[in-house]
């Protein structure tokens, strides 16, 4: 019981620190931002709200100004089931990438951040 309360409290602290220290959003021309929005329409991040690795990926999404769908794999049974059945395991963060009718499930915050930086930071 005490351990669970501590975990919840620390999770909320991580979310709060993220909120007060968010990086600035990348500025793009309206045309470039519209292109980014079209490219991110096929991305979805499966995550837990207070997971520190998920927070790290969400900070990158914010910094790069990427409107990616966030899917709560902890509290939403449908998203959790999709993550397990289609992605292969319940592990977050996980970025689902839909391209050419194929789904790629990218796990590990470092790999997700590297993918996002490579594709959208330029």
PDB file of N, CA and C in Angstrom:
ATOM      1  N   UNK A   1       0.823  -1.191   0.000  1.00  0.00           N
ATOM      2  CA  UNK A   1       0.000   0.000   0.000  1.00  0.00           C
ATOM      3  C   UNK A   1       0.867   1.255   0.000  1.00  0.00           C
ATOM      4  N   UNK A   2       1.855   1.304   0.883  1.00  0.00           N
ATOM      5  CA  UNK A   2       2.750   2.453   0.976  1.00  0.00           C
ATOM      6  C   UNK A   2       3.570   2.600  -0.306  1.00  0.00           C
ATOM      7  N   UNK A   3       4.039   1.473  -0.834  1.00  0.00           N
ATOM      8  CA  UNK A   3       4.821   1.500  -2.058  1.00  0.00           C
ATOM      9  C   UNK A   3       3.996   2.030  -3.227  1.00  0.00           C
ATOM     10  N   UNK A   4       2.745   1.610  -3.307  1.00  0.00           N
ATOM     11  CA  UNK A   4       1.869   2.080  -4.377  1.00  0.00           C
ATOM     12  C   UNK A   4       1.636   3.586  -4.254  1.00  0.00           C
ATOM     13  N   UNK A   5       1.404   4.082  -3.053  1.00  0.00           N
ATOM     14  CA  UNK A   5       1.202   5.521  -2.835  1.00  0.00           C
ATOM     15  C   UNK A   5       2.454   6.302  -3.203  1.00  0.00           C
ATOM     16  N   UNK A   6       3.612   5.766  -2.870  1.00  0.00           N
ATOM     17  CA  UNK A   6       4.873   6.413  -3.216  1.00  0.00           C
ATOM     18  C   UNK A   6       5.055   6.461  -4.728  1.00  0.00           C
ATOM     19  N   UNK A   7       4.748   5.360  -5.401  1.00  0.00           N
ATOM     20  CA  UNK A   7       4.865   5.302  -6.858  1.00  0.00           C
ATOM     21  C   UNK A   7       3.931   6.304  -7.524  1.00  0.00           C
ATOM     22  N   UNK A   8       2.711   6.402  -7.044  1.00  0.00           N
ATOM     23  CA  UNK A   8       1.744   7.348  -7.603  1.00  0.00           C
ATOM     24  C   UNK A   8       2.211   8.783  -7.357  1.00  0.00           C
ATOM     25  N   UNK A   9       2.672   9.050  -6.147  1.00  0.00           N
ATOM     26  CA  UNK A   9       3.163  10.388  -5.827  1.00  0.00           C
ATOM     27  C   UNK A   9       4.354  10.788  -6.671  1.00  0.00           C
ATOM     28  N   UNK A  10       5.305   9.875  -6.849  1.00  0.00           N
ATOM     29  CA  UNK A  10       6.464  10.170  -7.692  1.00  0.00           C
ATOM     30  C   UNK A  10       6.060  10.356  -9.154  1.00  0.00           C
ATOM     31  N   UNK A  11       5.113   9.571  -9.606  1.00  0.00           N
ATOM     32  CA  UNK A  11       4.621   9.723 -10.979  1.00  0.00           C
ATOM     33  C   UNK A  11       4.019  11.098 -11.196  1.00  0.00           C
ATOM     34  N   UNK A  12       3.220  11.554 -10.236  1.00  0.00           N
ATOM     35  CA  UNK A  12       2.620  12.882 -10.359  1.00  0.00           C
ATOM     36  C   UNK A  12       3.674  13.979 -10.291  1.00  0.00           C
ATOM     37  N   UNK A  13       4.732  13.758  -9.509  1.00  0.00           N
ATOM     38  CA  UNK A  13       5.838  14.714  -9.436  1.00  0.00           C
ATOM     39  C   UNK A  13       6.553  14.804 -10.780  1.00  0.00           C
ATOM     40  N   UNK A  14       6.766  13.676 -11.423  1.00  0.00           N
ATOM     41  CA  UNK A  14       7.396  13.652 -12.747  1.00  0.00           C
ATOM     42  C   UNK A  14       6.551  14.438 -13.746  1.00  0.00           C
ATOM     43  N   UNK A  15       5.250  14.235 -13.731  1.00  0.00           N
ATOM     44  CA  UNK A  15       4.347  14.948 -14.641  1.00  0.00           C
ATOM     45  C   UNK A  15       4.373  16.456 -14.355  1.00  0.00           C
ATOM     46  N   UNK A  16       4.379  16.829 -13.087  1.00  0.00           N
ATOM     47  CA  UNK A  16       4.408  18.245 -12.717  1.00  0.00           C
ATOM     48  C   UNK A  16       5.712  18.906 -13.168  1.00  0.00           C
ATOM     49  N   UNK A  17       6.838  18.263 -12.911  1.00  0.00           N
ATOM     50  CA  UNK A  17       8.129  18.823 -13.323  1.00  0.00           C
ATOM     51  C   UNK A  17       8.180  18.956 -14.842  1.00  0.00           C
ATOM     52  N   UNK A  18       7.639  17.989 -15.549  1.00  0.00           N
ATOM     53  CA  UNK A  18       7.562  18.085 -17.013  1.00  0.00           C
ATOM     54  C   UNK A  18       6.753  19.304 -17.421  1.00  0.00           C
ATOM     55  N   UNK A  19       5.638  19.511 -16.773  1.00  0.00           N
ATOM     56  CA  UNK A  19       4.741  20.614 -17.123  1.00  0.00           C
ATOM     57  C   UNK A  19       5.412  21.973 -16.918  1.00  0.00           C
ATOM     58  N   UNK A  20       6.140  22.135 -15.807  1.00  0.00           N
ATOM     59  CA  UNK A  20       6.739  23.447 -15.534  1.00  0.00           C
ATOM     60  C   UNK A  20       8.046  23.671 -16.292  1.00  0.00           C
ATOM     61  N   UNK A  21       8.622  22.639 -16.870  1.00  0.00           N
ATOM     62  CA  UNK A  21       9.907  22.790 -17.551  1.00  0.00           C
ATOM     63  C   UNK A  21       9.856  22.392 -19.024  1.00  0.00           C
ATOM     64  N   UNK A  22       8.692  22.475 -19.619  1.00  0.00           N
ATOM     65  CA  UNK A  22       8.543  22.068 -21.018  1.00  0.00           C
ATOM     66  C   UNK A  22       9.420  22.893 -21.954  1.00  0.00           C
ATOM     67  N   UNK A  23      10.003  22.245 -22.954  1.00  0.00           N
ATOM     68  CA  UNK A  23      10.794  22.990 -23.935  1.00  0.00           C
ATOM     69  C   UNK A  23       9.892  23.784 -24.874  1.00  0.00           C
ATOM     70  N   UNK A  24      10.470  24.754 -25.524  1.00  0.00           N
ATOM     71  CA  UNK A  24       9.711  25.536 -26.507  1.00  0.00           C
ATOM     72  C   UNK A  24       9.387  24.678 -27.717  1.00  0.00           C
ATOM     73  N   UNK A  25       8.236  24.988 -28.323  1.00  0.00           N
ATOM     74  CA  UNK A  25       7.842  24.278 -29.535  1.00  0.00           C
ATOM     75  C   UNK A  25       8.633  24.801 -30.726  1.00  0.00           C
ATOM     76  N   UNK A  26       8.950  23.904 -31.632  1.00  0.00           N
ATOM     77  CA  UNK A  26       9.598  24.261 -32.879  1.00  0.00           C
ATOM     78  C   UNK A  26       8.628  25.078 -33.727  1.00  0.00           C
ATOM     79  N   UNK A  27       9.102  26.199 -34.236  1.00  0.00           N
ATOM     80  CA  UNK A  27       8.262  27.053 -35.088  1.00  0.00           C
ATOM     81  C   UNK A  27       8.491  26.668 -36.544  1.00  0.00           C
ATOM     82  N   UNK A  28       7.404  26.510 -37.257  1.00  0.00           N
ATOM     83  CA  UNK A  28       7.446  26.211 -38.690  1.00  0.00           C
ATOM     84  C   UNK A  28       6.496  27.151 -39.416  1.00  0.00           C
ATOM     85  N   UNK A  29       6.687  27.264 -40.706  1.00  0.00           N
ATOM     86  CA  UNK A  29       5.723  28.022 -41.512  1.00  0.00           C
ATOM     87  C   UNK A  29       4.408  27.255 -41.495  1.00  0.00           C
ATOM     88  N   UNK A  30       3.289  27.932 -41.737  1.00  0.00           N
ATOM     89  CA  UNK A  30       1.999  27.217 -41.752  1.00  0.00           C
ATOM     90  C   UNK A  30       1.977  26.053 -42.741  1.00  0.00           C
ATOM     91  N   UNK A  31       2.627  26.221 -43.882  1.00  0.00           N
ATOM     92  CA  UNK A  31       2.660  25.150 -44.880  1.00  0.00           C
ATOM     93  C   UNK A  31       3.472  23.961 -44.375  1.00  0.00           C
ATOM     94  N   UNK A  32       4.623  24.247 -43.766  1.00  0.00           N
ATOM     95  CA  UNK A  32       5.464  23.172 -43.247  1.00  0.00           C
ATOM     96  C   UNK A  32       4.764  22.452 -42.093  1.00  0.00           C
ATOM     97  N   UNK A  33       4.079  23.199 -41.226  1.00  0.00           N
ATOM     98  CA  UNK A  33       3.367  22.575 -40.112  1.00  0.00           C
ATOM     99  C   UNK A  33       2.218  21.709 -40.627  1.00  0.00           C
ATOM    100  N   UNK A  34       1.546  22.164 -41.678  1.00  0.00           N
ATOM    101  CA  UNK A  34       0.464  21.363 -42.269  1.00  0.00           C
ATOM    102  C   UNK A  34       1.017  20.045 -42.823  1.00  0.00           C
ATOM    103  N   UNK A  35       2.195  20.092 -43.421  1.00  0.00           N
ATOM    104  CA  UNK A  35       2.829  18.877 -43.928  1.00  0.00           C
ATOM    105  C   UNK A  35       3.199  17.930 -42.786  1.00  0.00           C
ATOM    106  N   UNK A  36       3.702  18.481 -41.688  1.00  0.00           N
ATOM    107  CA  UNK A  36       4.028  17.682 -40.509  1.00  0.00           C
ATOM    108  C   UNK A  36       2.760  17.036 -39.950  1.00  0.00           C
ATOM    109  N   UNK A  37       1.676  17.783 -39.901  1.00  0.00           N
ATOM    110  CA  UNK A  37       0.414  17.248 -39.394  1.00  0.00           C
ATOM    111  C   UNK A  37      -0.090  16.102 -40.264  1.00  0.00           C
ATOM    112  N   UNK A  38       0.088  16.209 -41.583  1.00  0.00           N
ATOM    113  CA  UNK A  38      -0.294  15.102 -42.468  1.00  0.00           C
ATOM    114  C   UNK A  38       0.592  13.882 -42.189  1.00  0.00           C
ATOM    115  N   UNK A  39       1.884  14.107 -41.971  1.00  0.00           N
ATOM    116  CA  UNK A  39       2.813  13.001 -41.730  1.00  0.00           C
ATOM    117  C   UNK A  39       2.571  12.325 -40.382  1.00  0.00           C
ATOM    118  N   UNK A  40       2.139  13.093 -39.390  1.00  0.00           N
ATOM    119  CA  UNK A  40       1.919  12.510 -38.055  1.00  0.00           C
ATOM    120  C   UNK A  40       0.535  11.898 -37.886  1.00  0.00           C
ATOM    121  N   UNK A  41      -0.320  12.056 -38.874  1.00  0.00           N
ATOM    122  CA  UNK A  41      -1.680  11.494 -38.783  1.00  0.00           C
ATOM    123  C   UNK A  41      -1.645   9.972 -38.653  1.00  0.00           C
ATOM    124  N   UNK A  42      -0.574   9.353 -39.101  1.00  0.00           N
ATOM    125  CA  UNK A  42      -0.457   7.897 -39.058  1.00  0.00           C
ATOM    126  C   UNK A  42       0.441   7.409 -37.922  1.00  0.00           C
ATOM    127  N   UNK A  43       0.650   8.262 -36.920  1.00  0.00           N
ATOM    128  CA  UNK A  43       1.453   7.889 -35.762  1.00  0.00           C
ATOM    129  C   UNK A  43       0.575   7.872 -34.515  1.00  0.00           C
ATOM    130  N   UNK A  44       0.870   6.962 -33.616  1.00  0.00           N
ATOM    131  CA  UNK A  44       0.171   6.916 -32.325  1.00  0.00           C
ATOM    132  C   UNK A  44       1.163   6.459 -31.258  1.00  0.00           C
ATOM    133  N   UNK A  45       1.154   7.161 -30.133  1.00  0.00           N
ATOM    134  CA  UNK A  45       2.037   6.812 -29.023  1.00  0.00           C
ATOM    135  C   UNK A  45       1.220   6.116 -27.940  1.00  0.00           C
ATOM    136  N   UNK A  46       1.547   4.857 -27.692  1.00  0.00           N
ATOM    137  CA  UNK A  46       0.938   4.109 -26.596  1.00  0.00           C
ATOM    138  C   UNK A  46       1.783   4.391 -25.365  1.00  0.00           C
ATOM    139  N   UNK A  47       1.132   4.826 -24.281  1.00  0.00           N
ATOM    140  CA  UNK A  47       1.879   5.316 -23.135  1.00  0.00           C
ATOM    141  C   UNK A  47       1.087   5.211 -21.855  1.00  0.00           C
ATOM    142  N   UNK A  48       1.798   5.383 -20.744  1.00  0.00           N
ATOM    143  CA  UNK A  48       1.201   5.552 -19.425  1.00  0.00           C
ATOM    144  C   UNK A  48       1.459   6.998 -19.049  1.00  0.00           C
ATOM    145  N   UNK A  49       0.498   7.656 -18.467  1.00  0.00           N
ATOM    146  CA  UNK A  49       0.589   9.090 -18.189  1.00  0.00           C
ATOM    147  C   UNK A  49       1.801   9.467 -17.353  1.00  0.00           C
ATOM    148  N   UNK A  50       2.101   8.738 -16.293  1.00  0.00           N
ATOM    149  CA  UNK A  50       3.160   9.130 -15.364  1.00  0.00           C
ATOM    150  C   UNK A  50       4.464   8.354 -15.564  1.00  0.00           C
ATOM    151  N   UNK A  51       4.576   7.575 -16.601  1.00  0.00           N
ATOM    152  CA  UNK A  51       5.801   6.828 -16.890  1.00  0.00           C
ATOM    153  C   UNK A  51       6.898   7.814 -17.290  1.00  0.00           C
ATOM    154  N   UNK A  52       8.045   7.818 -16.615  1.00  0.00           N
ATOM    155  CA  UNK A  52       9.097   8.788 -16.937  1.00  0.00           C
ATOM    156  C   UNK A  52       9.624   8.666 -18.369  1.00  0.00           C
ATOM    157  N   UNK A  53       9.663   7.462 -18.916  1.00  0.00           N
ATOM    158  CA  UNK A  53      10.130   7.288 -20.293  1.00  0.00           C
ATOM    159  C   UNK A  53       9.095   7.816 -21.284  1.00  0.00           C
ATOM    160  N   UNK A  54       7.817   7.674 -20.941  1.00  0.00           N
ATOM    161  CA  UNK A  54       6.744   8.231 -21.771  1.00  0.00           C
ATOM    162  C   UNK A  54       6.774   9.754 -21.714  1.00  0.00           C
ATOM    163  N   UNK A  55       7.043  10.307 -20.538  1.00  0.00           N
ATOM    164  CA  UNK A  55       7.163  11.758 -20.390  1.00  0.00           C
ATOM    165  C   UNK A  55       8.295  12.263 -21.273  1.00  0.00           C
ATOM    166  N   UNK A  56       9.391  11.543 -21.305  1.00  0.00           N
ATOM    167  CA  UNK A  56      10.545  11.911 -22.129  1.00  0.00           C
ATOM    168  C   UNK A  56      10.154  11.980 -23.613  1.00  0.00           C
ATOM    169  N   UNK A  57       9.396  11.002 -24.077  1.00  0.00           N
ATOM    170  CA  UNK A  57       8.952  10.992 -25.473  1.00  0.00           C
ATOM    171  C   UNK A  57       7.943  12.121 -25.709  1.00  0.00           C
ATOM    172  N   UNK A  58       7.018  12.335 -24.775  1.00  0.00           N
ATOM    173  CA  UNK A  58       6.038  13.426 -24.937  1.00  0.00           C
ATOM    174  C   UNK A  58       6.731  14.785 -24.978  1.00  0.00           C
ATOM    175  N   UNK A  59       7.820  14.957 -24.221  1.00  0.00           N
ATOM    176  CA  UNK A  59       8.585  16.211 -24.263  1.00  0.00           C
ATOM    177  C   UNK A  59       9.158  16.421 -25.668  1.00  0.00           C
ATOM    178  N   UNK A  60       9.620  15.351 -26.282  1.00  0.00           N
ATOM    179  CA  UNK A  60      10.140  15.446 -27.649  1.00  0.00           C
ATOM    180  C   UNK A  60       9.024  15.802 -28.624  1.00  0.00           C
ATOM    181  N   UNK A  61       7.858  15.185 -28.458  1.00  0.00           N
ATOM    182  CA  UNK A  61       6.716  15.529 -29.306  1.00  0.00           C
ATOM    183  C   UNK A  61       6.377  17.008 -29.167  1.00  0.00           C
ATOM    184  N   UNK A  62       6.412  17.512 -27.937  1.00  0.00           N
ATOM    185  CA  UNK A  62       6.112  18.919 -27.689  1.00  0.00           C
ATOM    186  C   UNK A  62       7.184  19.811 -28.325  1.00  0.00           C
ATOM    187  N   UNK A  63       8.453  19.457 -28.099  1.00  0.00           N
ATOM    188  CA  UNK A  63       9.568  20.256 -28.625  1.00  0.00           C
ATOM    189  C   UNK A  63       9.531  20.331 -30.147  1.00  0.00           C
ATOM    190  N   UNK A  64       9.218  19.222 -30.796  1.00  0.00           N
ATOM    191  CA  UNK A  64       9.167  19.176 -32.254  1.00  0.00           C
ATOM    192  C   UNK A  64       7.823  19.631 -32.821  1.00  0.00           C
ATOM    193  N   UNK A  65       6.885  19.962 -31.925  1.00  0.00           N
ATOM    194  CA  UNK A  65       5.561  20.441 -32.341  1.00  0.00           C
ATOM    195  C   UNK A  65       4.859  19.399 -33.224  1.00  0.00           C
ATOM    196  N   UNK A  66       4.786  18.170 -32.698  1.00  0.00           N
ATOM    197  CA  UNK A  66       4.193  17.055 -33.435  1.00  0.00           C
ATOM    198  C   UNK A  66       2.862  16.645 -32.812  1.00  0.00           C
ATOM    199  N   UNK A  67       1.774  16.803 -33.543  1.00  0.00           N
ATOM    200  CA  UNK A  67       0.463  16.394 -33.022  1.00  0.00           C
ATOM    201  C   UNK A  67       0.225  14.899 -33.219  1.00  0.00           C
ATOM    202  N   UNK A  68       0.778  14.097 -32.330  1.00  0.00           N
ATOM    203  CA  UNK A  68       0.658  12.642 -32.402  1.00  0.00           C
ATOM    204  C   UNK A  68      -0.431  12.186 -31.441  1.00  0.00           C
ATOM    205  N   UNK A  69      -1.228  11.224 -31.867  1.00  0.00           N
ATOM    206  CA  UNK A  69      -2.272  10.663 -31.013  1.00  0.00           C
ATOM    207  C   UNK A  69      -1.638   9.979 -29.814  1.00  0.00           C
ATOM    208  N   UNK A  70      -2.123  10.305 -28.620  1.00  0.00           N
ATOM    209  CA  UNK A  70      -1.662   9.648 -27.400  1.00  0.00           C
ATOM    210  C   UNK A  70      -2.699   8.618 -26.986  1.00  0.00           C
ATOM    211  N   UNK A  71      -2.248   7.402 -26.758  1.00  0.00           N
ATOM    212  CA  UNK A  71      -3.158   6.320 -26.391  1.00  0.00           C
ATOM    213  C   UNK A  71      -2.774   5.792 -25.020  1.00  0.00           C
ATOM    214  N   UNK A  72      -3.709   5.844 -24.103  1.00  0.00           N
ATOM    215  CA  UNK A  72      -3.482   5.421 -22.721  1.00  0.00           C
ATOM    216  C   UNK A  72      -3.588   3.902 -22.623  1.00  0.00           C
ATOM    217  N   UNK A  73      -2.443   3.245 -22.551  1.00  0.00           N
ATOM    218  CA  UNK A  73      -2.419   1.782 -22.492  1.00  0.00           C
ATOM    219  C   UNK A  73      -2.596   1.262 -21.073  1.00  0.00           C
ATOM    220  N   UNK A  74      -2.707   2.146 -20.107  1.00  0.00           N
ATOM    221  CA  UNK A  74      -2.901   1.715 -18.722  1.00  0.00           C
ATOM    222  C   UNK A  74      -4.381   1.676 -18.361  1.00  0.00           C
ATOM    223  N   UNK A  75      -5.102   2.720 -18.726  1.00  0.00           N
ATOM    224  CA  UNK A  75      -6.504   2.854 -18.303  1.00  0.00           C
ATOM    225  C   UNK A  75      -7.518   2.567 -19.397  1.00  0.00           C
ATOM    226  N   UNK A  76      -7.081   2.380 -20.624  1.00  0.00           N
ATOM    227  CA  UNK A  76      -7.994   2.112 -21.734  1.00  0.00           C
ATOM    228  C   UNK A  76      -7.773   0.677 -22.215  1.00  0.00           C
ATOM    229  N   UNK A  77      -8.710  -0.188 -21.912  1.00  0.00           N
ATOM    230  CA  UNK A  77      -8.573  -1.617 -22.222  1.00  0.00           C
ATOM    231  C   UNK A  77      -8.404  -1.871 -23.720  1.00  0.00           C
ATOM    232  N   UNK A  78      -9.075  -1.098 -24.546  1.00  0.00           N
ATOM    233  CA  UNK A  78      -8.978  -1.275 -25.997  1.00  0.00           C
ATOM    234  C   UNK A  78      -7.556  -0.989 -26.493  1.00  0.00           C
ATOM    235  N   UNK A  79      -6.959   0.102 -26.020  1.00  0.00           N
ATOM    236  CA  UNK A  79      -5.590   0.445 -26.427  1.00  0.00           C
ATOM    237  C   UNK A  79      -4.582  -0.557 -25.865  1.00  0.00           C
ATOM    238  N   UNK A  80      -4.809  -0.993 -24.650  1.00  0.00           N
ATOM    239  CA  UNK A  80      -3.918  -1.981 -24.028  1.00  0.00           C
ATOM    240  C   UNK A  80      -3.954  -3.285 -24.816  1.00  0.00           C
ATOM    241  N   UNK A  81      -5.140  -3.700 -25.219  1.00  0.00           N
ATOM    242  CA  UNK A  81      -5.291  -4.934 -25.987  1.00  0.00           C
ATOM    243  C   UNK A  81      -4.626  -4.805 -27.357  1.00  0.00           C
ATOM    244  N   UNK A  82      -4.787  -3.651 -28.015  1.00  0.00           N
ATOM    245  CA  UNK A  82      -4.145  -3.430 -29.316  1.00  0.00           C
ATOM    246  C   UNK A  82      -2.625  -3.484 -29.180  1.00  0.00           C
ATOM    247  N   UNK A  83      -2.108  -2.876 -28.126  1.00  0.00           N
ATOM    248  CA  UNK A  83      -0.668  -2.878 -27.890  1.00  0.00           C
ATOM    249  C   UNK A  83      -0.155  -4.304 -27.706  1.00  0.00           C
ATOM    250  N   UNK A  84      -0.885  -5.100 -26.954  1.00  0.00           N
ATOM    251  CA  UNK A  84      -0.456  -6.476 -26.701  1.00  0.00           C
ATOM    252  C   UNK A  84      -0.607  -7.359 -27.935  1.00  0.00           C
ATOM    253  N   UNK A  85      -1.760  -7.286 -28.595  1.00  0.00           N
ATOM    254  CA  UNK A  85      -2.033  -8.191 -29.712  1.00  0.00           C
ATOM    255  C   UNK A  85      -1.307  -7.791 -30.987  1.00  0.00           C
ATOM    256  N   UNK A  86      -1.269  -6.505 -31.295  1.00  0.00           N
ATOM    257  CA  UNK A  86      -0.658  -6.068 -32.545  1.00  0.00           C
ATOM    258  C   UNK A  86       0.827  -5.736 -32.375  1.00  0.00           C
ATOM    259  N   UNK A  87       1.168  -5.143 -31.220  1.00  0.00           N
ATOM    260  CA  UNK A  87       2.555  -4.785 -30.974  1.00  0.00           C
ATOM    261  C   UNK A  87       3.377  -5.939 -30.444  1.00  0.00           C
ATOM    262  N   UNK A  88       2.717  -6.893 -29.824  1.00  0.00           N
ATOM    263  CA  UNK A  88       3.410  -8.081 -29.341  1.00  0.00           C
ATOM    264  C   UNK A  88       3.638  -8.132 -27.846  1.00  0.00           C
ATOM    265  N   UNK A  89       3.552  -6.981 -27.159  1.00  0.00           N
ATOM    266  CA  UNK A  89       3.744  -6.974 -25.710  1.00  0.00           C
ATOM    267  C   UNK A  89       3.230  -5.665 -25.138  1.00  0.00           C
ATOM    268  N   UNK A  90       2.954  -5.680 -23.853  1.00  0.00           N
ATOM    269  CA  UNK A  90       2.525  -4.466 -23.165  1.00  0.00           C
ATOM    270  C   UNK A  90       3.773  -3.827 -22.580  1.00  0.00           C
ATOM    271  N   UNK A  91       4.323  -2.904 -23.325  1.00  0.00           N
ATOM    272  CA  UNK A  91       5.515  -2.177 -22.907  1.00  0.00           C
ATOM    273  C   UNK A  91       5.398  -0.768 -23.472  1.00  0.00           C
ATOM    274  N   UNK A  92       5.621   0.210 -22.621  1.00  0.00           N
ATOM    275  CA  UNK A  92       5.517   1.596 -23.056  1.00  0.00           C
ATOM    276  C   UNK A  92       6.814   2.322 -22.749  1.00  0.00           C
ATOM    277  N   UNK A  93       7.098   3.376 -23.491  1.00  0.00           N
ATOM    278  CA  UNK A  93       6.345   3.911 -24.606  1.00  0.00           C
ATOM    279  C   UNK A  93       6.507   3.041 -25.852  1.00  0.00           C
ATOM    280  N   UNK A  94       5.525   3.131 -26.722  1.00  0.00           N
ATOM    281  CA  UNK A  94       5.549   2.412 -27.990  1.00  0.00           C
ATOM    282  C   UNK A  94       4.915   3.305 -29.051  1.00  0.00           C
ATOM    283  N   UNK A  95       5.647   3.555 -30.113  1.00  0.00           N
ATOM    284  CA  UNK A  95       5.136   4.367 -31.217  1.00  0.00           C
ATOM    285  C   UNK A  95       4.689   3.441 -32.335  1.00  0.00           C
ATOM    286  N   UNK A  96       3.402   3.550 -32.688  1.00  0.00           N
ATOM    287  CA  UNK A  96       2.883   2.782 -33.825  1.00  0.00           C
ATOM    288  C   UNK A  96       2.983   3.663 -35.057  1.00  0.00           C
ATOM    289  N   UNK A  97       3.661   3.149 -36.077  1.00  0.00           N
ATOM    290  CA  UNK A  97       3.875   3.884 -37.317  1.00  0.00           C
ATOM    291  C   UNK A  97       3.146   3.147 -38.427  1.00  0.00           C
ATOM    292  N   UNK A  98       2.186   3.814 -39.055  1.00  0.00           N
ATOM    293  CA  UNK A  98       1.435   3.235 -40.177  1.00  0.00           C
ATOM    294  C   UNK A  98       1.987   3.820 -41.475  1.00  0.00           C
ATOM    295  N   UNK A  99       2.587   2.975 -42.309  1.00  0.00           N
ATOM    296  CA  UNK A  99       3.099   3.419 -43.604  1.00  0.00           C
ATOM    297  C   UNK A  99       2.831   2.337 -44.640  1.00  0.00           C
ATOM    298  N   UNK A 100       2.295   2.751 -45.752  1.00  0.00           N
ATOM    299  CA  UNK A 100       2.051   1.842 -46.879  1.00  0.00           C
ATOM    300  C   UNK A 100       1.260   0.608 -46.467  1.00  0.00           C
ATOM    301  N   UNK A 101       0.273   0.792 -45.604  1.00  0.00           N
ATOM    302  CA  UNK A 101      -0.565  -0.311 -45.168  1.00  0.00           C
ATOM    303  C   UNK A 101       0.097  -1.247 -44.161  1.00  0.00           C
ATOM    304  N   UNK A 102       1.291  -0.924 -43.717  1.00  0.00           N
ATOM    305  CA  UNK A 102       2.024  -1.740 -42.754  1.00  0.00           C
ATOM    306  C   UNK A 102       2.134  -1.004 -41.426  1.00  0.00           C
ATOM    307  N   UNK A 103       2.051  -1.752 -40.328  1.00  0.00           N
ATOM    308  CA  UNK A 103       2.237  -1.181 -39.000  1.00  0.00           C
ATOM    309  C   UNK A 103       3.598  -1.598 -38.459  1.00  0.00           C
ATOM    310  N   UNK A 104       4.330  -0.610 -37.963  1.00  0.00           N
ATOM    311  CA  UNK A 104       5.594  -0.860 -37.291  1.00  0.00           C
ATOM    312  C   UNK A 104       5.428  -0.395 -35.858  1.00  0.00           C
ATOM    313  N   UNK A 105       5.828  -1.207 -34.903  1.00  0.00           N
ATOM    314  CA  UNK A 105       5.711  -0.886 -33.483  1.00  0.00           C
ATOM    315  C   UNK A 105       7.116  -0.637 -32.962  1.00  0.00           C
ATOM    316  N   UNK A 106       7.405   0.610 -32.636  1.00  0.00           N
ATOM    317  CA  UNK A 106       8.727   1.010 -32.190  1.00  0.00           C
ATOM    318  C   UNK A 106       8.722   1.200 -30.680  1.00  0.00           C
ATOM    319  N   UNK A 107       9.484   0.352 -29.993  1.00  0.00           N
ATOM    320  CA  UNK A 107       9.594   0.419 -28.538  1.00  0.00           C
ATOM    321  C   UNK A 107      10.876   1.150 -28.171  1.00  0.00           C
ATOM    322  N   UNK A 108      11.025   1.483 -26.893  1.00  0.00           N
ATOM    323  CA  UNK A 108      12.201   2.136 -26.322  1.00  0.00           C
ATOM    324  C   UNK A 108      12.203   3.637 -26.618  1.00  0.00           C
ATOM    325  N   UNK A 109      12.226   4.407 -25.560  1.00  0.00           N
ATOM    326  CA  UNK A 109      12.152   5.866 -25.683  1.00  0.00           C
ATOM    327  C   UNK A 109      13.289   6.425 -26.524  1.00  0.00           C
ATOM    328  N   UNK A 110      14.508   5.928 -26.368  1.00  0.00           N
ATOM    329  CA  UNK A 110      15.638   6.437 -27.156  1.00  0.00           C
ATOM    330  C   UNK A 110      15.431   6.198 -28.644  1.00  0.00           C
ATOM    331  N   UNK A 111      14.938   5.029 -29.009  1.00  0.00           N
ATOM    332  CA  UNK A 111      14.698   4.712 -30.418  1.00  0.00           C
ATOM    333  C   UNK A 111      13.569   5.577 -30.979  1.00  0.00           C
ATOM    334  N   UNK A 112      12.529   5.798 -30.204  1.00  0.00           N
ATOM    335  CA  UNK A 112      11.407   6.641 -30.645  1.00  0.00           C
ATOM    336  C   UNK A 112      11.879   8.073 -30.842  1.00  0.00           C
ATOM    337  N   UNK A 113      12.633   8.599 -29.884  1.00  0.00           N
ATOM    338  CA  UNK A 113      13.129   9.972 -29.977  1.00  0.00           C
ATOM    339  C   UNK A 113      14.068  10.122 -31.173  1.00  0.00           C
ATOM    340  N   UNK A 114      14.943   9.153 -31.396  1.00  0.00           N
ATOM    341  CA  UNK A 114      15.851   9.197 -32.548  1.00  0.00           C
ATOM    342  C   UNK A 114      15.055   9.209 -33.854  1.00  0.00           C
ATOM    343  N   UNK A 115      14.013   8.385 -33.946  1.00  0.00           N
ATOM    344  CA  UNK A 115      13.164   8.351 -35.133  1.00  0.00           C
ATOM    345  C   UNK A 115      12.489   9.706 -35.361  1.00  0.00           C
ATOM    346  N   UNK A 116      11.914  10.262 -34.311  1.00  0.00           N
ATOM    347  CA  UNK A 116      11.212  11.550 -34.426  1.00  0.00           C
ATOM    348  C   UNK A 116      12.175  12.668 -34.801  1.00  0.00           C
ATOM    349  N   UNK A 117      13.343  12.704 -34.164  1.00  0.00           N
ATOM    350  CA  UNK A 117      14.335  13.729 -34.495  1.00  0.00           C
ATOM    351  C   UNK A 117      14.803  13.609 -35.940  1.00  0.00           C
ATOM    352  N   UNK A 118      15.064  12.392 -36.374  1.00  0.00           N
ATOM    353  CA  UNK A 118      15.540  12.176 -37.742  1.00  0.00           C
ATOM    354  C   UNK A 118      14.472  12.584 -38.764  1.00  0.00           C
ATOM    355  N   UNK A 119      13.242  12.252 -38.479  1.00  0.00           N
ATOM    356  CA  UNK A 119      12.182  12.492 -39.460  1.00  0.00           C
ATOM    357  C   UNK A 119      11.631  13.918 -39.427  1.00  0.00           C
ATOM    358  N   UNK A 120      11.589  14.561 -38.247  1.00  0.00           N
ATOM    359  CA  UNK A 120      10.880  15.836 -38.140  1.00  0.00           C
ATOM    360  C   UNK A 120      11.711  17.029 -37.678  1.00  0.00           C
ATOM    361  N   UNK A 121      12.920  16.837 -37.206  1.00  0.00           N
ATOM    362  CA  UNK A 121      13.686  17.967 -36.664  1.00  0.00           C
ATOM    363  C   UNK A 121      14.257  18.872 -37.740  1.00  0.00           C
ATOM    364  N   UNK A 122      14.427  18.339 -38.941  1.00  0.00           N
ATOM    365  CA  UNK A 122      15.075  19.099 -40.029  1.00  0.00           C
ATOM    366  C   UNK A 122      14.330  20.283 -40.415  1.00  0.00           C
TER     367      UNK A 122
END
